[in-house]
Amino acid sequence: MLNPTQRQLLLSIARGSIEAVLDGRRPEVDVTDEVLTRPSGAFVSLHTHSGDLRGCIGSIHPVAPLCHAVSANAVNAAFRDPRFGPVTRDDLATLHVEISVMSPVEVVTDVAGIEVGRDGLIISRGGRAGLLLPQVATAYGWDRDTFLGHTCRKAGLPEDAWRTAGTKIERFSAEVFGEEK
């Protein structure tokens, strides 16, 4: 668990990294906090003031120190999410930054153990994979089966692929926090 100061620093890093790119500068991250320099998976989600998704990019696995993962993923969410055009300076003023710090991933052997609101899902089969963060199911009011079905769709698989032998289901949790609205 991150303390409020660590959370605020990560949110500042995310927003500052986007601002740096908009100013034509390279984002700089200077952090000495031991927790924030440990490798960790992280996602950065950007939402409009009305709550619509504006960008979301991340890494589930710990490939970089948390502070650097947040910086890189904030920039990628703002400028490289293929579902949206690049963020502009005008957009930035109305964006809400949300960070999800990932737990380790574990294989699901019984879907009854999946808890909506706590677990995020990764479903993969035949070279295709889809991932949905824990807060997605809660935001849409999905039950477990609907969450599994939408994760399959995100992977480009039929909604019921999670019921088929050979489909791998994994779960993870995330510590999710964002800027005050």
Foldseek 3Di string as FASTA:
>chain_A
DDDPVVVVLLQCLLLQLQVQVLVVHHRDDDDDPPQQFFFFKKKKWKAFLVGHTAFIDIGQGRPGRNSVRSSVRSNCRQPPRVVHHHAHPVRSVGIKIKMWTWDDKDWDPDLVPDDQLFKWKWKDADPFIFTDASVVCVVVVHDSLQNQQVRCVRRVHHSCCVVPPRMTMMIIGIDMDIDDD
